[in-house]
Amino acid sequence: MEIAFIISSILLISYSLLAVFDGVFLHLYKYRLYQHEESRFEHLTHTIRALLFTGILISLFINIENNNLFLLGCILIAVDIITLLVDAYVEKDSRAFMGGLPRWEYIVHLLVNGFHFAAIAVFLVIKININADGISLTENFQQIENYQTFKIIALNLLPGAIIISLLHIMVYSPKFNYYFKKIQLKCC
């Protein structure tokens, strides 16, 4: 179980780093998807997924010993998968203003979502016990060596997840959008 916590931690960090690059730098800053009529719905799906990740982070990874929140987290995962499918479906038309989705960004999307769902899958292996008596949920992780490190990583990702969720919402505000446009650097 210790190795599973390490793997889930690495996947969670990898997801978070790529998600900042993709979701903040590319989608909000460089391409400004929220400003283009054809990509506003895609931006909405990204906003929903950012909010869902914050909920998943809280309900699964941070409150790991709370089984009621775990069930909520599982519901959020299902909604996240559905939202991802909608996002993938609309992406081709959404990116018409820029000649379609660049191949390298498509690869980034595959990696981001792969890391995201792999971190969740490894965590589910940690949390869910299947044996001859049925299915049970692990409630106490205190004796596991890498549990505290995993929880600290998840706690440290929470402020960024909240900020990114708020950024996705705030760019819809004309006043915020006005100031957000002003910080565009010449390089990007």
N, C-alpha and C. Protein backbone atom coordinates (compact mmCIF):
# COMPACT_ATOMS: atom_id res chain seq x y z
N MET A 1 0.82 -1.20 0.00
CA MET A 1 0.00 0.00 0.00
C MET A 1 0.87 1.26 0.00
N GLU A 2 2.06 1.16 0.60
CA GLU A 2 2.95 2.32 0.65
C GLU A 2 3.33 2.76 -0.76
N ILE A 3 3.63 1.79 -1.62
CA ILE A 3 4.02 2.11 -2.99
C ILE A 3 2.85 2.72 -3.75
N ALA A 4 1.64 2.26 -3.48
CA ALA A 4 0.46 2.81 -4.14
C ALA A 4 0.29 4.28 -3.77
N PHE A 5 0.56 4.65 -2.52
CA PHE A 5 0.50 6.06 -2.13
C PHE A 5 1.55 6.88 -2.87
N ILE A 6 2.75 6.33 -3.04
CA ILE A 6 3.80 7.04 -3.77
C ILE A 6 3.39 7.23 -5.23
N ILE A 7 2.88 6.18 -5.85
CA ILE A 7 2.46 6.26 -7.26
C ILE A 7 1.32 7.25 -7.42
N SER A 8 0.33 7.18 -6.55
CA SER A 8 -0.78 8.11 -6.63
C SER A 8 -0.31 9.55 -6.42
N SER A 9 0.64 9.75 -5.53
CA SER A 9 1.20 11.09 -5.29
C SER A 9 1.89 11.62 -6.54
N ILE A 10 2.71 10.79 -7.16
CA ILE A 10 3.42 11.20 -8.38
C ILE A 10 2.43 11.53 -9.50
N LEU A 11 1.42 10.70 -9.65
CA LEU A 11 0.41 10.94 -10.69
C LEU A 11 -0.38 12.21 -10.41
N LEU A 12 -0.71 12.45 -9.15
CA LEU A 12 -1.46 13.65 -8.77
C LEU A 12 -0.64 14.91 -9.03
N ILE A 13 0.63 14.88 -8.69
CA ILE A 13 1.51 16.03 -8.95
C ILE A 13 1.68 16.23 -10.46
N SER A 14 1.90 15.16 -11.20
CA SER A 14 2.06 15.26 -12.65
C SER A 14 0.81 15.84 -13.29
N TYR A 15 -0.35 15.35 -12.86
CA TYR A 15 -1.61 15.89 -13.36
C TYR A 15 -1.71 17.39 -13.08
N SER A 16 -1.42 17.77 -11.86
CA SER A 16 -1.58 19.16 -11.46
C SER A 16 -0.67 20.09 -12.26
N LEU A 17 0.58 19.68 -12.46
CA LEU A 17 1.51 20.51 -13.23
C LEU A 17 1.05 20.68 -14.67
N LEU A 18 0.67 19.57 -15.30
CA LEU A 18 0.19 19.66 -16.68
C LEU A 18 -1.15 20.39 -16.78
N ALA A 19 -1.99 20.24 -15.78
CA ALA A 19 -3.29 20.92 -15.79
C ALA A 19 -3.11 22.42 -15.70
N VAL A 20 -2.14 22.88 -14.93
CA VAL A 20 -1.87 24.33 -14.85
C VAL A 20 -1.40 24.82 -16.21
N PHE A 21 -0.51 24.09 -16.85
CA PHE A 21 -0.03 24.48 -18.17
C PHE A 21 -1.19 24.51 -19.17
N ASP A 22 -1.97 23.43 -19.21
CA ASP A 22 -3.04 23.32 -20.19
C ASP A 22 -4.23 24.23 -19.84
N GLY A 23 -4.70 24.12 -18.62
CA GLY A 23 -5.94 24.82 -18.25
C GLY A 23 -5.78 26.30 -18.00
N VAL A 24 -4.63 26.71 -17.51
CA VAL A 24 -4.43 28.13 -17.22
C VAL A 24 -3.67 28.79 -18.36
N PHE A 25 -2.46 28.31 -18.63
CA PHE A 25 -1.65 28.98 -19.65
C PHE A 25 -2.28 28.90 -21.04
N LEU A 26 -2.59 27.68 -21.51
CA LEU A 26 -3.11 27.55 -22.87
C LEU A 26 -4.56 28.02 -22.99
N HIS A 27 -5.45 27.49 -22.17
CA HIS A 27 -6.88 27.75 -22.35
C HIS A 27 -7.28 29.16 -21.93
N LEU A 28 -6.78 29.62 -20.80
CA LEU A 28 -7.20 30.94 -20.31
C LEU A 28 -6.32 32.07 -20.84
N TYR A 29 -5.02 31.84 -20.88
CA TYR A 29 -4.10 32.92 -21.16
C TYR A 29 -3.75 33.05 -22.64
N LYS A 30 -3.26 31.98 -23.24
CA LYS A 30 -2.80 32.05 -24.63
C LYS A 30 -3.95 32.07 -25.63
N TYR A 31 -4.86 31.07 -25.55
CA TYR A 31 -5.94 30.98 -26.53
C TYR A 31 -7.20 31.72 -26.11
N ARG A 32 -7.33 32.00 -24.83
CA ARG A 32 -8.50 32.73 -24.30
C ARG A 32 -9.81 32.14 -24.84
N LEU A 33 -10.00 30.87 -24.57
CA LEU A 33 -11.17 30.16 -25.10
C LEU A 33 -12.48 30.82 -24.70
N TYR A 34 -12.54 31.41 -23.53
CA TYR A 34 -13.76 32.03 -23.03
C TYR A 34 -14.18 33.24 -23.86
N GLN A 35 -13.27 33.81 -24.67
CA GLN A 35 -13.60 34.99 -25.48
C GLN A 35 -14.18 34.64 -26.85
N HIS A 36 -14.03 33.42 -27.28
CA HIS A 36 -14.48 33.03 -28.61
C HIS A 36 -15.84 32.35 -28.50
N GLU A 37 -16.78 32.86 -29.27
CA GLU A 37 -18.15 32.35 -29.20
C GLU A 37 -18.21 30.83 -29.38
N GLU A 38 -17.46 30.31 -30.36
CA GLU A 38 -17.53 28.87 -30.63
C GLU A 38 -16.86 28.03 -29.55
N SER A 39 -16.04 28.62 -28.69
CA SER A 39 -15.37 27.83 -27.65
C SER A 39 -15.88 28.12 -26.24
N ARG A 40 -16.92 28.93 -26.12
CA ARG A 40 -17.44 29.25 -24.79
C ARG A 40 -18.01 28.01 -24.08
N PHE A 41 -18.63 27.12 -24.84
CA PHE A 41 -19.16 25.91 -24.22
C PHE A 41 -18.02 25.01 -23.75
N GLU A 42 -16.95 24.93 -24.54
CA GLU A 42 -15.79 24.15 -24.11
C GLU A 42 -15.22 24.75 -22.82
N HIS A 43 -15.18 26.09 -22.76
CA HIS A 43 -14.69 26.73 -21.53
C HIS A 43 -15.60 26.37 -20.35
N LEU A 44 -16.90 26.29 -20.60
CA LEU A 44 -17.82 25.90 -19.53
C LEU A 44 -17.50 24.48 -19.04
N THR A 45 -17.22 23.56 -19.96
CA THR A 45 -16.87 22.20 -19.53
C THR A 45 -15.57 22.20 -18.73
N HIS A 46 -14.62 23.05 -19.11
CA HIS A 46 -13.37 23.15 -18.35
C HIS A 46 -13.63 23.73 -16.95
N THR A 47 -14.54 24.68 -16.88
CA THR A 47 -14.90 25.27 -15.58
C THR A 47 -15.53 24.21 -14.68
N ILE A 48 -16.44 23.44 -15.24
CA ILE A 48 -17.09 22.37 -14.47
C ILE A 48 -16.05 21.36 -14.00
N ARG A 49 -15.13 20.98 -14.89
CA ARG A 49 -14.10 20.01 -14.50
C ARG A 49 -13.16 20.56 -13.45
N ALA A 50 -12.85 21.85 -13.51
CA ALA A 50 -12.00 22.46 -12.47
C ALA A 50 -12.71 22.40 -11.12
N LEU A 51 -14.00 22.72 -11.11
CA LEU A 51 -14.77 22.64 -9.87
C LEU A 51 -14.87 21.19 -9.38
N LEU A 52 -15.07 20.26 -10.30
CA LEU A 52 -15.16 18.85 -9.93
C LEU A 52 -13.84 18.36 -9.34
N PHE A 53 -12.72 18.78 -9.92
CA PHE A 53 -11.43 18.36 -9.37
C PHE A 53 -11.26 18.86 -7.94
N THR A 54 -11.67 20.09 -7.70
CA THR A 54 -11.59 20.61 -6.33
C THR A 54 -12.41 19.74 -5.39
N GLY A 55 -13.61 19.37 -5.81
CA GLY A 55 -14.46 18.49 -5.01
C GLY A 55 -13.86 17.11 -4.82
N ILE A 56 -13.27 16.56 -5.88
CA ILE A 56 -12.63 15.24 -5.80
C ILE A 56 -11.43 15.31 -4.87
N LEU A 57 -10.67 16.37 -4.98
CA LEU A 57 -9.49 16.54 -4.11
C LEU A 57 -9.90 16.54 -2.64
N ILE A 58 -10.98 17.27 -2.34
CA ILE A 58 -11.46 17.36 -0.95
C ILE A 58 -12.08 16.04 -0.49
N SER A 59 -12.98 15.50 -1.30
CA SER A 59 -13.76 14.34 -0.86
C SER A 59 -12.98 13.03 -0.88
N LEU A 60 -12.02 12.89 -1.77
CA LEU A 60 -11.27 11.64 -1.85
C LEU A 60 -9.89 11.75 -1.22
N PHE A 61 -9.09 12.63 -1.74
CA PHE A 61 -7.68 12.65 -1.38
C PHE A 61 -7.38 13.30 -0.03
N ILE A 62 -8.11 14.34 0.32
CA ILE A 62 -7.84 15.03 1.59
C ILE A 62 -8.57 14.36 2.75
N ASN A 63 -9.84 14.09 2.58
CA ASN A 63 -10.64 13.43 3.62
C ASN A 63 -10.69 11.94 3.37
N ILE A 64 -9.54 11.36 3.25
CA ILE A 64 -9.38 9.98 2.82
C ILE A 64 -10.07 8.98 3.75
N GLU A 65 -10.19 9.33 5.02
CA GLU A 65 -10.77 8.38 5.98
C GLU A 65 -12.28 8.54 6.15
N ASN A 66 -12.88 9.50 5.47
CA ASN A 66 -14.30 9.75 5.60
C ASN A 66 -15.04 8.99 4.48
N ASN A 67 -15.71 7.91 4.84
CA ASN A 67 -16.37 7.08 3.82
C ASN A 67 -17.59 7.74 3.21
N ASN A 68 -18.27 8.63 3.94
CA ASN A 68 -19.40 9.34 3.35
C ASN A 68 -18.93 10.29 2.25
N LEU A 69 -17.84 11.00 2.50
CA LEU A 69 -17.28 11.86 1.47
C LEU A 69 -16.71 11.05 0.31
N PHE A 70 -16.22 9.85 0.61
CA PHE A 70 -15.72 8.98 -0.45
C PHE A 70 -16.82 8.68 -1.45
N LEU A 71 -18.01 8.39 -0.97
CA LEU A 71 -19.14 8.11 -1.87
C LEU A 71 -19.49 9.34 -2.70
N LEU A 72 -19.44 10.52 -2.08
CA LEU A 72 -19.65 11.77 -2.84
C LEU A 72 -18.56 11.90 -3.90
N GLY A 73 -17.31 11.61 -3.52
CA GLY A 73 -16.21 11.68 -4.47
C GLY A 73 -16.41 10.76 -5.66
N CYS A 74 -16.95 9.57 -5.43
CA CYS A 74 -17.22 8.64 -6.52
C CYS A 74 -18.27 9.20 -7.48
N ILE A 75 -19.26 9.88 -6.93
CA ILE A 75 -20.27 10.54 -7.78
C ILE A 75 -19.62 11.64 -8.60
N LEU A 76 -18.74 12.42 -7.96
CA LEU A 76 -18.03 13.50 -8.67
C LEU A 76 -17.16 12.93 -9.79
N ILE A 77 -16.55 11.78 -9.55
CA ILE A 77 -15.74 11.14 -10.59
C ILE A 77 -16.61 10.77 -11.78
N ALA A 78 -17.79 10.21 -11.53
CA ALA A 78 -18.71 9.84 -12.61
C ALA A 78 -19.13 11.08 -13.41
N VAL A 79 -19.44 12.16 -12.71
CA VAL A 79 -19.82 13.41 -13.38
C VAL A 79 -18.63 13.96 -14.18
N ASP A 80 -17.44 13.83 -13.62
CA ASP A 80 -16.22 14.28 -14.30
C ASP A 80 -16.01 13.51 -15.61
N ILE A 81 -16.22 12.21 -15.59
CA ILE A 81 -16.07 11.40 -16.80
C ILE A 81 -17.08 11.83 -17.86
N ILE A 82 -18.31 12.06 -17.46
CA ILE A 82 -19.33 12.52 -18.40
C ILE A 82 -18.96 13.89 -18.97
N THR A 83 -18.50 14.78 -18.11
CA THR A 83 -18.10 16.12 -18.56
C THR A 83 -16.92 16.04 -19.51
N LEU A 84 -15.97 15.15 -19.23
CA LEU A 84 -14.83 14.95 -20.13
C LEU A 84 -15.29 14.49 -21.50
N LEU A 85 -16.26 13.58 -21.54
CA LEU A 85 -16.78 13.09 -22.82
C LEU A 85 -17.43 14.22 -23.61
N VAL A 86 -18.19 15.06 -22.93
CA VAL A 86 -18.82 16.21 -23.59
C VAL A 86 -17.74 17.15 -24.10
N ASP A 87 -16.74 17.43 -23.28
CA ASP A 87 -15.63 18.31 -23.66
C ASP A 87 -14.92 17.78 -24.90
N ALA A 88 -14.61 16.49 -24.91
CA ALA A 88 -13.92 15.90 -26.06
C ALA A 88 -14.79 15.98 -27.32
N TYR A 89 -16.10 15.81 -27.14
CA TYR A 89 -17.00 15.84 -28.29
C TYR A 89 -17.06 17.23 -28.94
N VAL A 90 -17.09 18.28 -28.14
CA VAL A 90 -17.23 19.64 -28.68
C VAL A 90 -15.91 20.28 -29.09
N GLU A 91 -14.80 19.66 -28.73
CA GLU A 91 -13.50 20.30 -28.91
C GLU A 91 -13.17 20.60 -30.37
N LYS A 92 -13.51 19.73 -31.29
CA LYS A 92 -13.18 19.95 -32.71
C LYS A 92 -13.83 21.24 -33.22
N ASP A 93 -15.11 21.40 -32.99
CA ASP A 93 -15.81 22.61 -33.45
C ASP A 93 -15.39 23.83 -32.65
N SER A 94 -15.09 23.62 -31.39
CA SER A 94 -14.73 24.71 -30.50
C SER A 94 -13.43 25.39 -30.92
N ARG A 95 -12.54 24.65 -31.52
CA ARG A 95 -11.23 25.20 -31.88
C ARG A 95 -11.14 25.61 -33.35
N ALA A 96 -12.28 25.76 -34.01
CA ALA A 96 -12.28 26.17 -35.42
C ALA A 96 -11.60 27.52 -35.60
N PHE A 97 -11.73 28.42 -34.65
CA PHE A 97 -11.15 29.77 -34.77
C PHE A 97 -9.62 29.73 -34.87
N MET A 98 -9.00 28.65 -34.43
CA MET A 98 -7.54 28.55 -34.47
C MET A 98 -7.07 27.43 -35.40
N GLY A 99 -7.96 27.00 -36.29
CA GLY A 99 -7.60 25.97 -37.25
C GLY A 99 -7.59 24.57 -36.67
N GLY A 100 -8.29 24.39 -35.57
CA GLY A 100 -8.36 23.08 -34.93
C GLY A 100 -7.39 22.96 -33.77
N LEU A 101 -7.51 21.86 -33.07
CA LEU A 101 -6.66 21.59 -31.91
C LEU A 101 -5.28 21.16 -32.40
N PRO A 102 -4.22 21.86 -31.97
CA PRO A 102 -2.88 21.43 -32.37
C PRO A 102 -2.58 20.02 -31.86
N ARG A 103 -1.84 19.26 -32.66
CA ARG A 103 -1.53 17.87 -32.31
C ARG A 103 -0.83 17.78 -30.96
N TRP A 104 0.11 18.68 -30.69
CA TRP A 104 0.85 18.64 -29.42
C TRP A 104 -0.08 18.92 -28.24
N GLU A 105 -1.09 19.78 -28.43
CA GLU A 105 -2.02 20.04 -27.34
C GLU A 105 -2.94 18.82 -27.12
N TYR A 106 -3.26 18.14 -28.18
CA TYR A 106 -4.03 16.90 -28.07
C TYR A 106 -3.26 15.91 -27.20
N ILE A 107 -1.95 15.81 -27.42
CA ILE A 107 -1.10 14.91 -26.62
C ILE A 107 -1.09 15.36 -25.16
N VAL A 108 -1.01 16.66 -24.93
CA VAL A 108 -1.06 17.19 -23.55
C VAL A 108 -2.37 16.78 -22.90
N HIS A 109 -3.48 16.90 -23.63
CA HIS A 109 -4.78 16.51 -23.09
C HIS A 109 -4.81 15.03 -22.72
N LEU A 110 -4.23 14.19 -23.57
CA LEU A 110 -4.17 12.75 -23.26
C LEU A 110 -3.38 12.51 -21.98
N LEU A 111 -2.24 13.17 -21.85
CA LEU A 111 -1.42 13.00 -20.65
C LEU A 111 -2.12 13.53 -19.40
N VAL A 112 -2.70 14.73 -19.50
CA VAL A 112 -3.39 15.33 -18.35
C VAL A 112 -4.49 14.40 -17.86
N ASN A 113 -5.33 13.96 -18.75
CA ASN A 113 -6.44 13.10 -18.35
C ASN A 113 -5.96 11.71 -17.92
N GLY A 114 -4.91 11.22 -18.56
CA GLY A 114 -4.34 9.95 -18.14
C GLY A 114 -3.82 10.01 -16.71
N PHE A 115 -3.04 11.06 -16.39
CA PHE A 115 -2.53 11.22 -15.03
C PHE A 115 -3.67 11.40 -14.03
N HIS A 116 -4.67 12.18 -14.42
CA HIS A 116 -5.82 12.47 -13.55
C HIS A 116 -6.53 11.18 -13.15
N PHE A 117 -6.92 10.41 -14.16
CA PHE A 117 -7.69 9.20 -13.86
C PHE A 117 -6.82 8.07 -13.32
N ALA A 118 -5.55 8.05 -13.67
CA ALA A 118 -4.65 7.05 -13.08
C ALA A 118 -4.46 7.31 -11.59
N ALA A 119 -4.31 8.59 -11.20
CA ALA A 119 -4.19 8.92 -9.78
C ALA A 119 -5.43 8.47 -9.02
N ILE A 120 -6.59 8.69 -9.62
CA ILE A 120 -7.85 8.27 -9.00
C ILE A 120 -7.92 6.75 -8.93
N ALA A 121 -7.56 6.07 -10.01
CA ALA A 121 -7.64 4.60 -10.04
C ALA A 121 -6.72 3.98 -8.99
N VAL A 122 -5.50 4.49 -8.88
CA VAL A 122 -4.58 3.94 -7.87
C VAL A 122 -5.14 4.21 -6.48
N PHE A 123 -5.70 5.40 -6.28
CA PHE A 123 -6.30 5.70 -4.98
C PHE A 123 -7.45 4.74 -4.67
N LEU A 124 -8.28 4.43 -5.65
CA LEU A 124 -9.39 3.51 -5.43
C LEU A 124 -8.88 2.12 -5.03
N VAL A 125 -7.75 1.73 -5.58
CA VAL A 125 -7.14 0.45 -5.19
C VAL A 125 -6.73 0.49 -3.71
N ILE A 126 -6.25 1.65 -3.26
CA ILE A 126 -5.87 1.82 -1.86
C ILE A 126 -7.10 1.77 -0.95
N LYS A 127 -8.16 2.41 -1.36
CA LYS A 127 -9.34 2.62 -0.51
C LYS A 127 -10.28 1.42 -0.47
N ILE A 128 -10.46 0.74 -1.59
CA ILE A 128 -11.46 -0.32 -1.68
C ILE A 128 -10.80 -1.69 -1.48
N ASN A 129 -11.37 -2.46 -0.58
CA ASN A 129 -10.91 -3.84 -0.33
C ASN A 129 -11.96 -4.81 -0.83
N ILE A 130 -11.54 -5.71 -1.69
CA ILE A 130 -12.44 -6.76 -2.18
C ILE A 130 -11.86 -8.09 -1.70
N ASN A 131 -12.67 -8.81 -0.94
CA ASN A 131 -12.23 -10.12 -0.45
C ASN A 131 -13.42 -11.08 -0.44
N ALA A 132 -13.24 -12.25 0.13
CA ALA A 132 -14.28 -13.27 0.16
C ALA A 132 -15.53 -12.81 0.90
N ASP A 133 -15.36 -11.88 1.85
CA ASP A 133 -16.50 -11.38 2.62
C ASP A 133 -17.27 -10.28 1.91
N GLY A 134 -16.74 -9.78 0.81
CA GLY A 134 -17.40 -8.71 0.07
C GLY A 134 -16.49 -7.51 -0.14
N ILE A 135 -17.10 -6.36 -0.24
CA ILE A 135 -16.37 -5.12 -0.47
C ILE A 135 -16.41 -4.28 0.80
N SER A 136 -15.27 -3.74 1.16
CA SER A 136 -15.21 -2.83 2.31
C SER A 136 -14.29 -1.67 1.95
N LEU A 137 -14.42 -0.60 2.71
CA LEU A 137 -13.59 0.59 2.50
C LEU A 137 -12.61 0.72 3.66
N THR A 138 -11.36 0.96 3.33
CA THR A 138 -10.36 1.18 4.36
C THR A 138 -10.63 2.51 5.04
N GLU A 139 -10.61 2.51 6.36
CA GLU A 139 -10.92 3.73 7.12
C GLU A 139 -9.73 4.32 7.84
N ASN A 140 -8.73 3.50 8.15
CA ASN A 140 -7.61 3.99 8.94
C ASN A 140 -6.32 3.78 8.17
N PHE A 141 -5.66 4.88 7.85
CA PHE A 141 -4.41 4.82 7.11
C PHE A 141 -3.23 5.29 7.94
N GLN A 142 -3.44 5.57 9.22
CA GLN A 142 -2.39 6.14 10.06
C GLN A 142 -1.13 5.29 10.10
N GLN A 143 -1.24 3.97 10.02
CA GLN A 143 -0.08 3.11 10.11
C GLN A 143 0.68 3.00 8.79
N ILE A 144 0.13 3.52 7.71
CA ILE A 144 0.77 3.44 6.40
C ILE A 144 1.84 4.53 6.29
N GLU A 145 3.03 4.13 5.88
CA GLU A 145 4.19 5.02 5.89
C GLU A 145 4.02 6.29 5.05
N ASN A 146 3.55 6.19 3.84
CA ASN A 146 3.49 7.35 2.94
C ASN A 146 2.14 8.06 2.94
N TYR A 147 1.27 7.69 3.84
CA TYR A 147 -0.06 8.30 3.92
C TYR A 147 0.01 9.80 4.21
N GLN A 148 0.80 10.18 5.21
CA GLN A 148 0.88 11.60 5.59
C GLN A 148 1.45 12.45 4.46
N THR A 149 2.44 11.94 3.76
CA THR A 149 3.01 12.68 2.63
C THR A 149 1.96 12.87 1.55
N PHE A 150 1.21 11.82 1.25
CA PHE A 150 0.14 11.89 0.26
C PHE A 150 -0.88 12.96 0.64
N LYS A 151 -1.27 12.95 1.91
CA LYS A 151 -2.28 13.90 2.38
C LYS A 151 -1.74 15.33 2.33
N ILE A 152 -0.47 15.52 2.66
CA ILE A 152 0.14 16.86 2.60
C ILE A 152 0.17 17.35 1.15
N ILE A 153 0.51 16.46 0.22
CA ILE A 153 0.51 16.84 -1.20
C ILE A 153 -0.89 17.28 -1.62
N ALA A 154 -1.90 16.49 -1.27
CA ALA A 154 -3.28 16.84 -1.63
C ALA A 154 -3.69 18.16 -1.01
N LEU A 155 -3.35 18.38 0.25
CA LEU A 155 -3.68 19.65 0.92
C LEU A 155 -3.00 20.83 0.24
N ASN A 156 -1.77 20.64 -0.20
CA ASN A 156 -1.05 21.73 -0.86
C ASN A 156 -1.56 22.01 -2.26
N LEU A 157 -2.20 21.05 -2.89
CA LEU A 157 -2.80 21.27 -4.21
C LEU A 157 -4.14 22.00 -4.13
N LEU A 158 -4.77 21.95 -2.97
CA LEU A 158 -6.11 22.53 -2.82
C LEU A 158 -6.17 24.03 -3.12
N PRO A 159 -5.29 24.88 -2.57
CA PRO A 159 -5.39 26.31 -2.90
C PRO A 159 -5.29 26.58 -4.40
N GLY A 160 -4.39 25.89 -5.08
CA GLY A 160 -4.26 26.06 -6.53
C GLY A 160 -5.52 25.63 -7.26
N ALA A 161 -6.11 24.52 -6.83
CA ALA A 161 -7.34 24.03 -7.47
C ALA A 161 -8.47 25.05 -7.29
N ILE A 162 -8.54 25.64 -6.12
CA ILE A 162 -9.58 26.66 -5.87
C ILE A 162 -9.33 27.89 -6.73
N ILE A 163 -8.08 28.34 -6.79
CA ILE A 163 -7.76 29.53 -7.59
C ILE A 163 -8.05 29.29 -9.06
N ILE A 164 -7.68 28.13 -9.57
CA ILE A 164 -7.93 27.82 -10.98
C ILE A 164 -9.43 27.75 -11.25
N SER A 165 -10.19 27.18 -10.33
CA SER A 165 -11.66 27.14 -10.49
C SER A 165 -12.22 28.56 -10.53
N LEU A 166 -11.76 29.40 -9.62
CA LEU A 166 -12.24 30.78 -9.59
C LEU A 166 -11.82 31.55 -10.84
N LEU A 167 -10.61 31.33 -11.32
CA LEU A 167 -10.17 31.99 -12.56
C LEU A 167 -11.08 31.63 -13.73
N HIS A 168 -11.43 30.34 -13.82
CA HIS A 168 -12.31 29.90 -14.90
C HIS A 168 -13.68 30.60 -14.84
N ILE A 169 -14.13 30.88 -13.64
CA ILE A 169 -15.41 31.57 -13.46
C ILE A 169 -15.25 33.07 -13.70
N MET A 170 -14.19 33.64 -13.14
CA MET A 170 -14.03 35.10 -13.16
C MET A 170 -13.78 35.67 -14.55
N VAL A 171 -13.23 34.88 -15.49
CA VAL A 171 -12.99 35.43 -16.82
C VAL A 171 -14.29 35.77 -17.56
N TYR A 172 -15.41 35.30 -17.05
CA TYR A 172 -16.70 35.68 -17.63
C TYR A 172 -17.09 37.10 -17.24
N SER A 173 -16.49 37.64 -16.20
CA SER A 173 -16.78 39.01 -15.75
C SER A 173 -16.04 40.00 -16.65
N PRO A 174 -16.76 40.94 -17.28
CA PRO A 174 -16.10 41.90 -18.17
C PRO A 174 -15.02 42.72 -17.45
N LYS A 175 -15.27 43.09 -16.20
CA LYS A 175 -14.29 43.90 -15.49
C LYS A 175 -13.01 43.09 -15.22
N PHE A 176 -13.15 41.86 -14.74
CA PHE A 176 -11.99 41.01 -14.50
C PHE A 176 -11.29 40.71 -15.82
N ASN A 177 -12.07 40.43 -16.85
CA ASN A 177 -11.53 40.11 -18.17
C ASN A 177 -10.69 41.27 -18.71
N TYR A 178 -11.13 42.50 -18.47
CA TYR A 178 -10.40 43.69 -18.91
C TYR A 178 -8.99 43.70 -18.32
N TYR A 179 -8.88 43.46 -17.03
CA TYR A 179 -7.57 43.45 -16.36
C TYR A 179 -6.76 42.20 -16.70
N PHE A 180 -7.44 41.10 -16.89
CA PHE A 180 -6.77 39.85 -17.26
C PHE A 180 -6.10 39.98 -18.62
N LYS A 181 -6.74 40.70 -19.56
CA LYS A 181 -6.17 40.92 -20.88
C LYS A 181 -4.89 41.75 -20.79
N LYS A 182 -4.83 42.65 -19.86
CA LYS A 182 -3.69 43.55 -19.73
C LYS A 182 -2.41 42.82 -19.31
N ILE A 183 -2.52 41.65 -18.71
CA ILE A 183 -1.31 40.97 -18.25
C ILE A 183 -0.71 40.04 -19.30
N GLN A 184 -1.26 40.07 -20.52
CA GLN A 184 -0.71 39.21 -21.58
C GLN A 184 0.69 39.69 -21.91
N LEU A 185 1.63 38.76 -21.84
CA LEU A 185 3.02 39.06 -22.15
C LEU A 185 3.22 38.99 -23.65
N LYS A 186 4.25 39.62 -24.12
CA LYS A 186 4.55 39.64 -25.57
C LYS A 186 4.94 38.26 -26.09
N CYS A 187 5.46 37.42 -25.22
CA CYS A 187 5.94 36.10 -25.67
C CYS A 187 4.81 35.14 -26.02
N CYS A 188 3.61 35.40 -25.53
CA CYS A 188 2.57 34.38 -25.59
C CYS A 188 1.39 34.82 -26.41
